[in-house]
Amino acid sequence: VLEKMQDRVRCRFPAENLGDFTAFVRERGLIMTECRLDRMSLEEAF
């Protein structure tokens, strides 16, 4: 869990757990408003 807001949670998880996470969201009746693959910036690569 990266951040808890009033009614939302921002979190991070390994790519291999994408199916597990979507199942978790579906089983609890949660609404996913964003899901993105993290990318490295050129500065981070540098």
ModelCIF file with pLDDT and N, C-alpha, C, O atoms, coordinates in Angstrom:
data_MODEL
#
_entry.id   MODEL 
#
_entity.id                         1 
_entity.type                       polymer 
_entity.pdbx_number_of_molecules   1 
#
_entity_poly.entity_id                      1 
_entity_poly.type                           'polypeptide(L)' 
_entity_poly.nstd_linkage                   no 
_entity_poly.nstd_monomer                   no 
_entity_poly.pdbx_seq_one_letter_code       VLEKMQDRVRCRFPAENLGDFTAFVRERGLIMTECRLDRMSLEEAF 
_entity_poly.pdbx_seq_one_letter_code_can   VLEKMQDRVRCRFPAENLGDFTAFVRERGLIMTECRLDRMSLEEAF 
_entity_poly.pdbx_strand_id                 A 
#
loop_
_entity_poly_seq.entity_id 
_entity_poly_seq.num 
_entity_poly_seq.mon_id 
_entity_poly_seq.hetero 
1 1  VAL n 
1 2  LEU n 
1 3  GLU n 
1 4  LYS n 
1 5  MET n 
1 6  GLN n 
1 7  ASP n 
1 8  ARG n 
1 9  VAL n 
1 10 ARG n 
1 11 CYS n 
1 12 ARG n 
1 13 PHE n 
1 14 PRO n 
1 15 ALA n 
1 16 GLU n 
1 17 ASN n 
1 18 LEU n 
1 19 GLY n 
1 20 ASP n 
1 21 PHE n 
1 22 THR n 
1 23 ALA n 
1 24 PHE n 
1 25 VAL n 
1 26 ARG n 
1 27 GLU n 
1 28 ARG n 
1 29 GLY n 
1 30 LEU n 
1 31 ILE n 
1 32 MET n 
1 33 THR n 
1 34 GLU n 
1 35 CYS n 
1 36 ARG n 
1 37 LEU n 
1 38 ASP n 
1 39 ARG n 
1 40 MET n 
1 41 SER n 
1 42 LEU n 
1 43 GLU n 
1 44 GLU n 
1 45 ALA n 
1 46 PHE n 
#
_struct_asym.id          A 
_struct_asym.entity_id   1 
#
loop_
_ma_qa_metric.id 
_ma_qa_metric.mode 
_ma_qa_metric.name 
_ma_qa_metric.software_group_id 
_ma_qa_metric.type 
1 global pLDDT . pLDDT 
2 local  pLDDT . pLDDT 
#
_ma_qa_metric_global.metric_id      1 
_ma_qa_metric_global.metric_value   91.09 
_ma_qa_metric_global.model_id       1 
_ma_qa_metric_global.ordinal_id     1 
#
loop_
_ma_qa_metric_local.label_asym_id 
_ma_qa_metric_local.label_comp_id 
_ma_qa_metric_local.label_seq_id 
_ma_qa_metric_local.metric_id 
_ma_qa_metric_local.metric_value 
_ma_qa_metric_local.model_id 
_ma_qa_metric_local.ordinal_id 
A VAL 1  2 94.00 1 1  
A LEU 2  2 93.00 1 2  
A GLU 3  2 95.00 1 3  
A LYS 4  2 94.00 1 4  
A MET 5  2 92.00 1 5  
A GLN 6  2 90.00 1 6  
A ASP 7  2 92.00 1 7  
A ARG 8  2 95.00 1 8  
A VAL 9  2 96.00 1 9  
A ARG 10 2 96.00 1 10 
A CYS 11 2 95.00 1 11 
A ARG 12 2 93.00 1 12 
A PHE 13 2 95.00 1 13 
A PRO 14 2 92.00 1 14 
A ALA 15 2 89.00 1 15 
A GLU 16 2 91.00 1 16 
A ASN 17 2 95.00 1 17 
A LEU 18 2 95.00 1 18 
A GLY 19 2 96.00 1 19 
A ASP 20 2 97.00 1 20 
A PHE 21 2 97.00 1 21 
A THR 22 2 97.00 1 22 
A ALA 23 2 97.00 1 23 
A PHE 24 2 97.00 1 24 
A VAL 25 2 97.00 1 25 
A ARG 26 2 96.00 1 26 
A GLU 27 2 96.00 1 27 
A ARG 28 2 95.00 1 28 
A GLY 29 2 96.00 1 29 
A LEU 30 2 96.00 1 30 
A ILE 31 2 96.00 1 31 
A MET 32 2 97.00 1 32 
A THR 33 2 96.00 1 33 
A GLU 34 2 95.00 1 34 
A CYS 35 2 95.00 1 35 
A ARG 36 2 93.00 1 36 
A LEU 37 2 88.00 1 37 
A ASP 38 2 84.00 1 38 
A ARG 39 2 75.00 1 39 
A MET 40 2 72.00 1 40 
A SER 41 2 77.00 1 41 
A LEU 42 2 79.00 1 42 
A GLU 43 2 78.00 1 43 
A GLU 44 2 76.00 1 44 
A ALA 45 2 75.00 1 45 
A PHE 46 2 75.00 1 46 
#
loop_
_atom_site.group_PDB 
_atom_site.id 
_atom_site.type_symbol 
_atom_site.label_atom_id 
_atom_site.label_alt_id 
_atom_site.label_comp_id 
_atom_site.label_asym_id 
_atom_site.label_entity_id 
_atom_site.label_seq_id 
_atom_site.pdbx_PDB_ins_code 
_atom_site.Cartn_x 
_atom_site.Cartn_y 
_atom_site.Cartn_z 
_atom_site.occupancy 
_atom_site.B_iso_or_equiv 
_atom_site.pdbx_formal_charge 
_atom_site.auth_seq_id 
_atom_site.auth_comp_id 
_atom_site.auth_asym_id 
_atom_site.auth_atom_id 
_atom_site.pdbx_PDB_model_num 
ATOM 1   N N  . VAL A 1 1  ? 0.863   -1.177  0.000   1.00 94.00 ? 1  VAL A N  1 
ATOM 2   C CA . VAL A 1 1  ? 0.000   0.000   0.000   1.00 94.00 ? 1  VAL A CA 1 
ATOM 3   C C  . VAL A 1 1  ? 0.900   1.228   0.000   1.00 94.00 ? 1  VAL A C  1 
ATOM 4   O O  . VAL A 1 1  ? 1.727   1.398   0.896   1.00 94.00 ? 1  VAL A O  1 
ATOM 5   N N  . LEU A 1 2  ? 0.738   2.086   -1.010  1.00 93.00 ? 2  LEU A N  1 
ATOM 6   C CA . LEU A 1 2  ? 1.538   3.296   -1.146  1.00 93.00 ? 2  LEU A CA 1 
ATOM 7   C C  . LEU A 1 2  ? 0.875   4.497   -0.491  1.00 93.00 ? 2  LEU A C  1 
ATOM 8   O O  . LEU A 1 2  ? 1.545   5.355   0.085   1.00 93.00 ? 2  LEU A O  1 
ATOM 9   N N  . GLU A 1 3  ? -0.459  4.548   -0.587  1.00 95.00 ? 3  GLU A N  1 
ATOM 10  C CA . GLU A 1 3  ? -1.178  5.707   -0.071  1.00 95.00 ? 3  GLU A CA 1 
ATOM 11  C C  . GLU A 1 3  ? -2.629  5.322   0.191   1.00 95.00 ? 3  GLU A C  1 
ATOM 12  O O  . GLU A 1 3  ? -3.268  4.663   -0.628  1.00 95.00 ? 3  GLU A O  1 
ATOM 13  N N  . LYS A 1 4  ? -3.136  5.743   1.344   1.00 94.00 ? 4  LYS A N  1 
ATOM 14  C CA . LYS A 1 4  ? -4.567  5.582   1.656   1.00 94.00 ? 4  LYS A CA 1 
ATOM 15  C C  . LYS A 1 4  ? -5.183  6.961   1.631   1.00 94.00 ? 4  LYS A C  1 
ATOM 16  O O  . LYS A 1 4  ? -4.740  7.865   2.340   1.00 94.00 ? 4  LYS A O  1 
ATOM 17  N N  . MET A 1 5  ? -6.207  7.117   0.812   1.00 92.00 ? 5  MET A N  1 
ATOM 18  C CA . MET A 1 5  ? -6.938  8.371   0.723   1.00 92.00 ? 5  MET A CA 1 
ATOM 19  C C  . MET A 1 5  ? -8.292  8.160   1.378   1.00 92.00 ? 5  MET A C  1 
ATOM 20  O O  . MET A 1 5  ? -8.522  7.099   1.959   1.00 92.00 ? 5  MET A O  1 
ATOM 21  N N  . GLN A 1 6  ? -9.188  9.118   1.310   1.00 90.00 ? 6  GLN A N  1 
ATOM 22  C CA . GLN A 1 6  ? -10.485 8.992   1.967   1.00 90.00 ? 6  GLN A CA 1 
ATOM 23  C C  . GLN A 1 6  ? -11.187 7.692   1.624   1.00 90.00 ? 6  GLN A C  1 
ATOM 24  O O  . GLN A 1 6  ? -11.526 6.908   2.510   1.00 90.00 ? 6  GLN A O  1 
ATOM 25  N N  . ASP A 1 7  ? -11.403 7.465   0.343   1.00 92.00 ? 7  ASP A N  1 
ATOM 26  C CA . ASP A 1 7  ? -12.162 6.287   -0.071  1.00 92.00 ? 7  ASP A CA 1 
ATOM 27  C C  . ASP A 1 7  ? -11.412 5.436   -1.092  1.00 92.00 ? 7  ASP A C  1 
ATOM 28  O O  . ASP A 1 7  ? -11.995 4.555   -1.724  1.00 92.00 ? 7  ASP A O  1 
ATOM 29  N N  . ARG A 1 8  ? -10.103 5.707   -1.251  1.00 95.00 ? 8  ARG A N  1 
ATOM 30  C CA . ARG A 1 8  ? -9.313  4.982   -2.247  1.00 95.00 ? 8  ARG A CA 1 
ATOM 31  C C  . ARG A 1 8  ? -7.979  4.540   -1.670  1.00 95.00 ? 8  ARG A C  1 
ATOM 32  O O  . ARG A 1 8  ? -7.507  5.057   -0.657  1.00 95.00 ? 8  ARG A O  1 
ATOM 33  N N  . VAL A 1 9  ? -7.387  3.561   -2.352  1.00 96.00 ? 9  VAL A N  1 
ATOM 34  C CA . VAL A 1 9  ? -6.066  3.059   -1.985  1.00 96.00 ? 9  VAL A CA 1 
ATOM 35  C C  . VAL A 1 9  ? -5.220  3.001   -3.244  1.00 96.00 ? 9  VAL A C  1 
ATOM 36  O O  . VAL A 1 9  ? -5.659  2.482   -4.270  1.00 96.00 ? 9  VAL A O  1 
ATOM 37  N N  . ARG A 1 10 ? -3.991  3.541   -3.166  1.00 96.00 ? 10 ARG A N  1 
ATOM 38  C CA . ARG A 1 10 ? -3.009  3.397   -4.253  1.00 96.00 ? 10 ARG A CA 1 
ATOM 39  C C  . ARG A 1 10 ? -1.994  2.370   -3.772  1.00 96.00 ? 10 ARG A C  1 
ATOM 40  O O  . ARG A 1 10 ? -1.451  2.484   -2.674  1.00 96.00 ? 10 ARG A O  1 
ATOM 41  N N  . CYS A 1 11 ? -1.743  1.360   -4.614  1.00 95.00 ? 11 CYS A N  1 
ATOM 42  C CA . CYS A 1 11 ? -0.868  0.274   -4.194  1.00 95.00 ? 11 CYS A CA 1 
ATOM 43  C C  . CYS A 1 11 ? 0.002   -0.195  -5.358  1.00 95.00 ? 11 CYS A C  1 
ATOM 44  O O  . CYS A 1 11 ? -0.218  0.178   -6.510  1.00 95.00 ? 11 CYS A O  1 
ATOM 45  N N  . ARG A 1 12 ? 0.995   -1.021  -5.029  1.00 93.00 ? 12 ARG A N  1 
ATOM 46  C CA . ARG A 1 12 ? 1.910   -1.580  -6.029  1.00 93.00 ? 12 ARG A CA 1 
ATOM 47  C C  . ARG A 1 12 ? 2.020   -3.085  -5.778  1.00 93.00 ? 12 ARG A C  1 
ATOM 48  O O  . ARG A 1 12 ? 1.967   -3.553  -4.641  1.00 93.00 ? 12 ARG A O  1 
ATOM 49  N N  . PHE A 1 13 ? 2.175   -3.824  -6.880  1.00 95.00 ? 13 PHE A N  1 
ATOM 50  C CA . PHE A 1 13 ? 2.329   -5.277  -6.767  1.00 95.00 ? 13 PHE A CA 1 
ATOM 51  C C  . PHE A 1 13 ? 3.130   -5.790  -7.954  1.00 95.00 ? 13 PHE A C  1 
ATOM 52  O O  . PHE A 1 13 ? 3.149   -5.157  -9.010  1.00 95.00 ? 13 PHE A O  1 
ATOM 53  N N  . PRO A 1 14 ? 3.797   -6.940  -7.789  1.00 92.00 ? 14 PRO A N  1 
ATOM 54  C CA . PRO A 1 14 ? 4.586   -7.513  -8.887  1.00 92.00 ? 14 PRO A CA 1 
ATOM 55  C C  . PRO A 1 14 ? 3.700   -7.921  -10.064 1.00 92.00 ? 14 PRO A C  1 
ATOM 56  O O  . PRO A 1 14 ? 2.556   -8.336  -9.878  1.00 92.00 ? 14 PRO A O  1 
ATOM 57  N N  . ALA A 1 15 ? 4.239   -7.798  -11.273 1.00 89.00 ? 15 ALA A N  1 
ATOM 58  C CA . ALA A 1 15 ? 3.488   -8.114  -12.491 1.00 89.00 ? 15 ALA A CA 1 
ATOM 59  C C  . ALA A 1 15 ? 2.969   -9.543  -12.483 1.00 89.00 ? 15 ALA A C  1 
ATOM 60  O O  . ALA A 1 15 ? 1.886   -9.810  -13.003 1.00 89.00 ? 15 ALA A O  1 
ATOM 61  N N  . GLU A 1 16 ? 3.725   -10.459 -11.901 1.00 91.00 ? 16 GLU A N  1 
ATOM 62  C CA . GLU A 1 16 ? 3.268   -11.850 -11.905 1.00 91.00 ? 16 GLU A CA 1 
ATOM 63  C C  . GLU A 1 16 ? 2.016   -12.058 -11.056 1.00 91.00 ? 16 GLU A C  1 
ATOM 64  O O  . GLU A 1 16 ? 1.380   -13.108 -11.142 1.00 91.00 ? 16 GLU A O  1 
ATOM 65  N N  . ASN A 1 17 ? 1.654   -11.063 -10.233 1.00 95.00 ? 17 ASN A N  1 
ATOM 66  C CA . ASN A 1 17 ? 0.454   -11.154 -9.405  1.00 95.00 ? 17 ASN A CA 1 
ATOM 67  C C  . ASN A 1 17 ? -0.725  -10.365 -9.964  1.00 95.00 ? 17 ASN A C  1 
ATOM 68  O O  . ASN A 1 17 ? -1.699  -10.131 -9.249  1.00 95.00 ? 17 ASN A O  1 
ATOM 69  N N  . LEU A 1 18 ? -0.656  -9.953  -11.220 1.00 95.00 ? 18 LEU A N  1 
ATOM 70  C CA . LEU A 1 18 ? -1.757  -9.185  -11.804 1.00 95.00 ? 18 LEU A CA 1 
ATOM 71  C C  . LEU A 1 18 ? -3.071  -9.954  -11.740 1.00 95.00 ? 18 LEU A C  1 
ATOM 72  O O  . LEU A 1 18 ? -4.092  -9.386  -11.352 1.00 95.00 ? 18 LEU A O  1 
ATOM 73  N N  . GLY A 1 19 ? -3.070  -11.218 -12.108 1.00 96.00 ? 19 GLY A N  1 
ATOM 74  C CA . GLY A 1 19 ? -4.284  -12.036 -12.044 1.00 96.00 ? 19 GLY A CA 1 
ATOM 75  C C  . GLY A 1 19 ? -4.800  -12.174 -10.628 1.00 96.00 ? 19 GLY A C  1 
ATOM 76  O O  . GLY A 1 19 ? -6.007  -12.107 -10.396 1.00 96.00 ? 19 GLY A O  1 
ATOM 77  N N  . ASP A 1 20 ? -3.889  -12.368 -9.670  1.00 97.00 ? 20 ASP A N  1 
ATOM 78  C CA . ASP A 1 20 ? -4.283  -12.473 -8.264  1.00 97.00 ? 20 ASP A CA 1 
ATOM 79  C C  . ASP A 1 20 ? -4.905  -11.168 -7.777  1.00 97.00 ? 20 ASP A C  1 
ATOM 80  O O  . ASP A 1 20 ? -5.891  -11.176 -7.041  1.00 97.00 ? 20 ASP A O  1 
ATOM 81  N N  . PHE A 1 21 ? -4.313  -10.039 -8.198  1.00 97.00 ? 21 PHE A N  1 
ATOM 82  C CA . PHE A 1 21 ? -4.831  -8.748  -7.759  1.00 97.00 ? 21 PHE A CA 1 
ATOM 83  C C  . PHE A 1 21 ? -6.213  -8.479  -8.348  1.00 97.00 ? 21 PHE A C  1 
ATOM 84  O O  . PHE A 1 21 ? -7.110  -8.026  -7.638  1.00 97.00 ? 21 PHE A O  1 
ATOM 85  N N  . THR A 1 22 ? -6.390  -8.750  -9.623  1.00 97.00 ? 22 THR A N  1 
ATOM 86  C CA . THR A 1 22 ? -7.711  -8.521  -10.228 1.00 97.00 ? 22 THR A CA 1 
ATOM 87  C C  . THR A 1 22 ? -8.761  -9.440  -9.600  1.00 97.00 ? 22 THR A C  1 
ATOM 88  O O  . THR A 1 22 ? -9.915  -9.038  -9.453  1.00 97.00 ? 22 THR A O  1 
ATOM 89  N N  . ALA A 1 23 ? -8.383  -10.660 -9.229  1.00 97.00 ? 23 ALA A N  1 
ATOM 90  C CA . ALA A 1 23 ? -9.303  -11.557 -8.533  1.00 97.00 ? 23 ALA A CA 1 
ATOM 91  C C  . ALA A 1 23 ? -9.666  -10.989 -7.156  1.00 97.00 ? 23 ALA A C  1 
ATOM 92  O O  . ALA A 1 23 ? -10.824 -11.041 -6.744  1.00 97.00 ? 23 ALA A O  1 
ATOM 93  N N  . PHE A 1 24 ? -8.669  -10.448 -6.452  1.00 97.00 ? 24 PHE A N  1 
ATOM 94  C CA . PHE A 1 24 ? -8.885  -9.812  -5.149  1.00 97.00 ? 24 PHE A CA 1 
ATOM 95  C C  . PHE A 1 24 ? -9.890  -8.661  -5.281  1.00 97.00 ? 24 PHE A C  1 
ATOM 96  O O  . PHE A 1 24 ? -10.811 -8.541  -4.474  1.00 97.00 ? 24 PHE A O  1 
ATOM 97  N N  . VAL A 1 25 ? -9.707  -7.821  -6.301  1.00 97.00 ? 25 VAL A N  1 
ATOM 98  C CA . VAL A 1 25 ? -10.595 -6.681  -6.538  1.00 97.00 ? 25 VAL A CA 1 
ATOM 99  C C  . VAL A 1 25 ? -12.009 -7.167  -6.841  1.00 97.00 ? 25 VAL A C  1 
ATOM 100 O O  . VAL A 1 25 ? -12.981 -6.644  -6.296  1.00 97.00 ? 25 VAL A O  1 
ATOM 101 N N  . ARG A 1 26 ? -12.118 -8.168  -7.709  1.00 96.00 ? 26 ARG A N  1 
ATOM 102 C CA . ARG A 1 26 ? -13.428 -8.695  -8.111  1.00 96.00 ? 26 ARG A CA 1 
ATOM 103 C C  . ARG A 1 26 ? -14.151 -9.354  -6.927  1.00 96.00 ? 26 ARG A C  1 
ATOM 104 O O  . ARG A 1 26 ? -15.338 -9.107  -6.713  1.00 96.00 ? 26 ARG A O  1 
ATOM 105 N N  . GLU A 1 27 ? -13.443 -10.188 -6.161  1.00 96.00 ? 27 GLU A N  1 
ATOM 106 C CA . GLU A 1 27 ? -14.055 -10.908 -5.034  1.00 96.00 ? 27 GLU A CA 1 
ATOM 107 C C  . GLU A 1 27 ? -14.588 -9.971  -3.962  1.00 96.00 ? 27 GLU A C  1 
ATOM 108 O O  . GLU A 1 27 ? -15.575 -10.298 -3.303  1.00 96.00 ? 27 GLU A O  1 
ATOM 109 N N  . ARG A 1 28 ? -13.967 -8.826  -3.771  1.00 95.00 ? 28 ARG A N  1 
ATOM 110 C CA . ARG A 1 28 ? -14.393 -7.887  -2.738  1.00 95.00 ? 28 ARG A CA 1 
ATOM 111 C C  . ARG A 1 28 ? -15.326 -6.797  -3.269  1.00 95.00 ? 28 ARG A C  1 
ATOM 112 O O  . ARG A 1 28 ? -15.770 -5.930  -2.517  1.00 95.00 ? 28 ARG A O  1 
ATOM 113 N N  . GLY A 1 29 ? -15.619 -6.852  -4.575  1.00 96.00 ? 29 GLY A N  1 
ATOM 114 C CA . GLY A 1 29 ? -16.510 -5.860  -5.166  1.00 96.00 ? 29 GLY A CA 1 
ATOM 115 C C  . GLY A 1 29 ? -15.914 -4.464  -5.216  1.00 96.00 ? 29 GLY A C  1 
ATOM 116 O O  . GLY A 1 29 ? -16.642 -3.471  -5.207  1.00 96.00 ? 29 GLY A O  1 
ATOM 117 N N  . LEU A 1 30 ? -14.591 -4.388  -5.268  1.00 96.00 ? 30 LEU A N  1 
ATOM 118 C CA . LEU A 1 30 ? -13.908 -3.095  -5.335  1.00 96.00 ? 30 LEU A CA 1 
ATOM 119 C C  . LEU A 1 30 ? -13.974 -2.550  -6.757  1.00 96.00 ? 30 LEU A C  1 
ATOM 120 O O  . LEU A 1 30 ? -14.254 -3.287  -7.702  1.00 96.00 ? 30 LEU A O  1 
ATOM 121 N N  . ILE A 1 31 ? -13.718 -1.278  -6.897  1.00 96.00 ? 31 ILE A N  1 
ATOM 122 C CA . ILE A 1 31 ? -13.645 -0.649  -8.212  1.00 96.00 ? 31 ILE A CA 1 
ATOM 123 C C  . ILE A 1 31 ? -12.212 -0.203  -8.449  1.00 96.00 ? 31 ILE A C  1 
ATOM 124 O O  . ILE A 1 31 ? -11.652 0.563   -7.665  1.00 96.00 ? 31 ILE A O  1 
ATOM 125 N N  . MET A 1 32 ? -11.622 -0.688  -9.537  1.00 97.00 ? 32 MET A N  1 
ATOM 126 C CA . MET A 1 32 ? -10.263 -0.296  -9.889  1.00 97.00 ? 32 MET A CA 1 
ATOM 127 C C  . MET A 1 32 ? -10.355 0.886   -10.858 1.00 97.00 ? 32 MET A C  1 
ATOM 128 O O  . MET A 1 32 ? -10.921 0.763   -11.944 1.00 97.00 ? 32 MET A O  1 
ATOM 129 N N  . THR A 1 33 ? -9.794  2.028   -10.457 1.00 96.00 ? 33 THR A N  1 
ATOM 130 C CA . THR A 1 33 ? -9.864  3.223   -11.297 1.00 96.00 ? 33 THR A CA 1 
ATOM 131 C C  . THR A 1 33 ? -8.578  3.446   -12.094 1.00 96.00 ? 33 THR A C  1 
ATOM 132 O O  . THR A 1 33 ? -8.560  4.242   -13.032 1.00 96.00 ? 33 THR A O  1 
ATOM 133 N N  . GLU A 1 34 ? -7.505  2.746   -11.724 1.00 95.00 ? 34 GLU A N  1 
ATOM 134 C CA . GLU A 1 34 ? -6.236  2.879   -12.442 1.00 95.00 ? 34 GLU A CA 1 
ATOM 135 C C  . GLU A 1 34 ? -5.412  1.625   -12.234 1.00 95.00 ? 34 GLU A C  1 
ATOM 136 O O  . GLU A 1 34 ? -5.394  1.053   -11.144 1.00 95.00 ? 34 GLU A O  1 
ATOM 137 N N  . CYS A 1 35 ? -4.734  1.203   -13.283 1.00 95.00 ? 35 CYS A N  1 
ATOM 138 C CA . CYS A 1 35 ? -3.786  0.095   -13.184 1.00 95.00 ? 35 CYS A CA 1 
ATOM 139 C C  . CYS A 1 35 ? -2.795  0.278   -14.326 1.00 95.00 ? 35 CYS A C  1 
ATOM 140 O O  . CYS A 1 35 ? -3.164  0.205   -15.498 1.00 95.00 ? 35 CYS A O  1 
ATOM 141 N N  . ARG A 1 36 ? -1.522  0.517   -13.973 1.00 93.00 ? 36 ARG A N  1 
ATOM 142 C CA . ARG A 1 36 ? -0.524  0.759   -15.018 1.00 93.00 ? 36 ARG A CA 1 
ATOM 143 C C  . ARG A 1 36 ? 0.783   0.063   -14.682 1.00 93.00 ? 36 ARG A C  1 
ATOM 144 O O  . ARG A 1 36 ? 1.162   -0.074  -13.518 1.00 93.00 ? 36 ARG A O  1 
ATOM 145 N N  . LEU A 1 37 ? 1.455   -0.370  -15.730 1.00 88.00 ? 37 LEU A N  1 
ATOM 146 C CA . LEU A 1 37 ? 2.771   -0.972  -15.592 1.00 88.00 ? 37 LEU A CA 1 
ATOM 147 C C  . LEU A 1 37 ? 3.773   0.146   -15.364 1.00 88.00 ? 37 LEU A C  1 
ATOM 148 O O  . LEU A 1 37 ? 3.837   1.091   -16.150 1.00 88.00 ? 37 LEU A O  1 
ATOM 149 N N  . ASP A 1 38 ? 4.552   0.049   -14.304 1.00 84.00 ? 38 ASP A N  1 
ATOM 150 C CA . ASP A 1 38 ? 5.537   1.082   -13.998 1.00 84.00 ? 38 ASP A CA 1 
ATOM 151 C C  . ASP A 1 38 ? 6.662   1.030   -15.017 1.00 84.00 ? 38 ASP A C  1 
ATOM 152 O O  . ASP A 1 38 ? 7.144   -0.047  -15.369 1.00 84.00 ? 38 ASP A O  1 
ATOM 153 N N  . ARG A 1 39 ? 7.075   2.195   -15.485 1.00 75.00 ? 39 ARG A N  1 
ATOM 154 C CA . ARG A 1 39 ? 8.152   2.305   -16.461 1.00 75.00 ? 39 ARG A CA 1 
ATOM 155 C C  . ARG A 1 39 ? 9.314   3.071   -15.843 1.00 75.00 ? 39 ARG A C  1 
ATOM 156 O O  . ARG A 1 39 ? 9.117   3.956   -15.010 1.00 75.00 ? 39 ARG A O  1 
ATOM 157 N N  . MET A 1 40 ? 10.512  2.724   -16.256 1.00 72.00 ? 40 MET A N  1 
ATOM 158 C CA . MET A 1 40 ? 11.699  3.409   -15.807 1.00 72.00 ? 40 MET A CA 1 
ATOM 159 C C  . MET A 1 40 ? 11.910  4.652   -16.677 1.00 72.00 ? 40 MET A C  1 
ATOM 160 O O  . MET A 1 40 ? 11.729  4.588   -17.893 1.00 72.00 ? 40 MET A O  1 
ATOM 161 N N  . SER A 1 41 ? 12.287  5.771   -16.075 1.00 77.00 ? 41 SER A N  1 
ATOM 162 C CA . SER A 1 41 ? 12.601  6.974   -16.839 1.00 77.00 ? 41 SER A CA 1 
ATOM 163 C C  . SER A 1 41 ? 14.037  6.878   -17.353 1.00 77.00 ? 41 SER A C  1 
ATOM 164 O O  . SER A 1 41 ? 14.821  6.059   -16.872 1.00 77.00 ? 41 SER A O  1 
ATOM 165 N N  . LEU A 1 42 ? 14.375  7.714   -18.324 1.00 79.00 ? 42 LEU A N  1 
ATOM 166 C CA . LEU A 1 42 ? 15.741  7.730   -18.836 1.00 79.00 ? 42 LEU A CA 1 
ATOM 167 C C  . LEU A 1 42 ? 16.713  8.140   -17.743 1.00 79.00 ? 42 LEU A C  1 
ATOM 168 O O  . LEU A 1 42 ? 17.841  7.648   -17.697 1.00 79.00 ? 42 LEU A O  1 
ATOM 169 N N  . GLU A 1 43 ? 16.288  9.028   -16.870 1.00 78.00 ? 43 GLU A N  1 
ATOM 170 C CA . GLU A 1 43 ? 17.149  9.430   -15.759 1.00 78.00 ? 43 GLU A CA 1 
ATOM 171 C C  . GLU A 1 43 ? 17.444  8.249   -14.840 1.00 78.00 ? 43 GLU A C  1 
ATOM 172 O O  . GLU A 1 43 ? 18.585  8.064   -14.418 1.00 78.00 ? 43 GLU A O  1 
ATOM 173 N N  . GLU A 1 44 ? 16.422  7.445   -14.528 1.00 76.00 ? 44 GLU A N  1 
ATOM 174 C CA . GLU A 1 44 ? 16.632  6.250   -13.702 1.00 76.00 ? 44 GLU A CA 1 
ATOM 175 C C  . GLU A 1 44 ? 17.558  5.260   -14.409 1.00 76.00 ? 44 GLU A C  1 
ATOM 176 O O  . GLU A 1 44 ? 18.425  4.658   -13.775 1.00 76.00 ? 44 GLU A O  1 
ATOM 177 N N  . ALA A 1 45 ? 17.375  5.089   -15.722 1.00 75.00 ? 45 ALA A N  1 
ATOM 178 C CA . ALA A 1 45 ? 18.246  4.194   -16.484 1.00 75.00 ? 45 ALA A CA 1 
ATOM 179 C C  . ALA A 1 45 ? 19.685  4.703   -16.468 1.00 75.00 ? 45 ALA A C  1 
ATOM 180 O O  . ALA A 1 45 ? 20.623  3.917   -16.338 1.00 75.00 ? 45 ALA A O  1 
ATOM 181 N N  . PHE A 1 46 ? 19.856  6.012   -16.600 1.00 75.00 ? 46 PHE A N  1 
ATOM 182 C CA . PHE A 1 46 ? 21.172  6.632   -16.571 1.00 75.00 ? 46 PHE A CA 1 
ATOM 183 C C  . PHE A 1 46 ? 21.883  6.317   -15.259 1.00 75.00 ? 46 PHE A C  1 
ATOM 184 O O  . PHE A 1 46 ? 23.013  6.757   -15.048 1.00 75.00 ? 46 PHE A O  1 
#
